[in-house]
């Protein structure tokens, strides 16, 4: 089950990356990983550096993908983003936490992709 979830997650992240690039974002990092946590996508949107969490689901049966981002996950994202900002010595930028919900539908149908700016 874990391998299937990772495969679905990777597929969702690829869809999310294509989606934001089409919407003018510039990808800076993908799957940024450090001892504090992981950020799926770090991208630039105009004057903002965006730390983006991607959540992929088959349905909203157990809530929306955004609802699956727990407070614990948010804290990890904040700390990881702070580390990234220090590591890259970024001082003169605005920062934002976005989320992308990818809802997969049945085979052959286009997935629903929703970008939520300032998600948390």
Protein backbone atom coordinates (compact mmCIF):
# COMPACT_ATOMS: atom_id res chain seq x y z
CA UNK A 1 0.00 0.00 0.00
CA UNK A 2 2.88 2.38 0.82
CA UNK A 3 4.40 1.92 -2.66
CA UNK A 4 1.03 2.63 -4.27
CA UNK A 5 0.62 5.80 -2.17
CA UNK A 6 4.12 6.98 -3.16
CA UNK A 7 3.35 6.34 -6.83
CA UNK A 8 0.07 8.25 -6.57
CA UNK A 9 1.87 11.06 -4.73
CA UNK A 10 4.57 11.32 -7.40
CA UNK A 11 1.93 11.39 -10.14
CA UNK A 12 0.07 14.17 -8.30
CA UNK A 13 3.27 16.18 -7.84
CA UNK A 14 4.04 15.92 -11.56
CA UNK A 15 0.54 17.15 -12.41
CA UNK A 16 0.88 19.98 -9.87
CA UNK A 17 4.26 21.04 -11.25
CA UNK A 18 2.89 21.21 -14.81
CA UNK A 19 -0.15 23.13 -13.59
CA UNK A 20 1.76 25.84 -11.74
CA UNK A 21 4.29 26.23 -14.55
CA UNK A 22 1.40 26.85 -16.95
CA UNK A 23 0.17 29.47 -14.47
CA UNK A 24 3.44 31.41 -14.44
CA UNK A 25 5.26 29.94 -11.44
CA UNK A 26 8.99 29.29 -11.74
CA UNK A 27 10.10 26.09 -10.04
CA UNK A 28 13.08 26.62 -7.72
CA UNK A 29 13.20 23.22 -5.97
CA UNK A 30 11.30 19.96 -5.96
CA UNK A 31 11.16 17.59 -3.00
CA UNK A 32 13.44 19.77 -0.88
CA UNK A 33 14.49 17.50 1.97
CA UNK A 34 16.35 18.20 5.19
CA UNK A 35 16.33 16.75 8.70
CA UNK A 36 13.35 18.98 9.59
CA UNK A 37 11.06 17.74 6.84
CA UNK A 38 10.23 17.92 3.14
CA UNK A 39 8.64 20.54 0.93
CA UNK A 40 7.08 19.16 -2.25
CA UNK A 41 7.65 22.23 -4.43
CA UNK A 42 9.33 25.58 -3.86
CA UNK A 43 8.48 28.06 -6.59
CA UNK A 44 8.48 31.75 -7.39
CA UNK A 45 5.17 33.49 -8.18
CA UNK A 46 5.85 37.13 -9.02
CA UNK A 47 7.35 38.61 -5.81
CA UNK A 48 6.57 35.57 -3.66
CA UNK A 49 8.56 32.48 -2.88
CA UNK A 50 5.93 29.80 -2.39
CA UNK A 51 6.31 26.67 -0.34
CA UNK A 52 3.81 24.28 -1.86
CA UNK A 53 2.33 21.13 -0.34
CA UNK A 54 0.74 18.78 -2.86
CA UNK A 55 -1.98 16.36 -1.77
CA UNK A 56 -3.39 13.76 -4.11
CA UNK A 57 -6.53 11.71 -3.47
CA UNK A 58 -8.94 9.52 -5.39
CA UNK A 59 -12.01 11.04 -3.79
CA UNK A 60 -13.21 13.45 -1.13
CA UNK A 61 -14.83 10.61 0.77
CA UNK A 62 -12.63 11.24 3.80
CA UNK A 63 -12.42 15.01 3.30
CA UNK A 64 -10.61 17.23 0.86
CA UNK A 65 -6.90 16.79 0.23
CA UNK A 66 -6.29 20.14 1.99
CA UNK A 67 -8.03 18.87 5.12
CA UNK A 68 -5.44 16.09 5.32
CA UNK A 69 -2.66 18.60 6.07
CA UNK A 70 -2.45 18.35 9.84
CA UNK A 71 -1.19 20.98 12.26
CA UNK A 72 1.87 18.80 12.83
CA UNK A 73 2.59 18.79 9.09
CA UNK A 74 2.12 22.57 8.94
CA UNK A 75 4.64 23.07 11.76
CA UNK A 76 7.15 20.86 9.90
CA UNK A 77 6.58 22.86 6.72
CA UNK A 78 7.13 26.16 8.56
CA UNK A 79 10.37 24.93 10.13
CA UNK A 80 11.62 23.45 6.86
CA UNK A 81 10.81 26.70 5.04
CA UNK A 82 12.70 28.71 7.67
CA UNK A 83 15.70 26.44 7.19
CA UNK A 84 15.50 26.86 3.39
CA UNK A 85 15.31 30.66 3.73
CA UNK A 86 18.42 30.68 5.93
CA UNK A 87 20.25 28.14 3.76
CA UNK A 88 19.65 30.17 0.59
CA UNK A 89 20.21 33.49 2.40
CA UNK A 90 16.93 34.93 1.14
CA UNK A 91 16.08 38.24 2.75
CA UNK A 92 14.23 40.48 0.32
CA UNK A 93 11.27 38.35 -0.68
CA UNK A 94 7.74 37.71 0.37
CA UNK A 95 6.84 34.18 1.39
CA UNK A 96 3.64 32.20 1.10
CA UNK A 97 2.40 28.68 1.80
CA UNK A 98 0.26 27.32 -0.99
CA UNK A 99 -1.38 23.94 -1.42
CA UNK A 100 -2.38 22.04 -4.49
CA UNK A 101 -5.20 19.51 -4.32
CA UNK A 102 -5.14 16.84 -6.99
CA UNK A 103 -8.25 14.69 -7.11
CA UNK A 104 -7.93 11.72 -9.43
CA UNK A 105 -11.07 10.63 -11.15
CA UNK A 106 -11.71 7.41 -13.03
CA UNK A 107 -9.30 6.26 -15.69
CA UNK A 108 -9.31 8.40 -18.81
CA UNK A 109 -10.79 11.47 -17.13
CA UNK A 110 -8.83 14.63 -16.44
CA UNK A 111 -7.88 15.00 -12.77
CA UNK A 112 -9.20 18.00 -10.81
CA UNK A 113 -6.35 20.31 -9.81
CA UNK A 114 -6.98 23.16 -7.39
CA UNK A 115 -4.34 25.70 -6.39
CA UNK A 116 -4.97 27.32 -3.01
CA UNK A 117 -2.82 30.39 -2.43
CA UNK A 118 -2.12 31.26 1.22
CA UNK A 119 -3.53 27.88 2.21
CA UNK A 120 -2.15 28.11 5.75
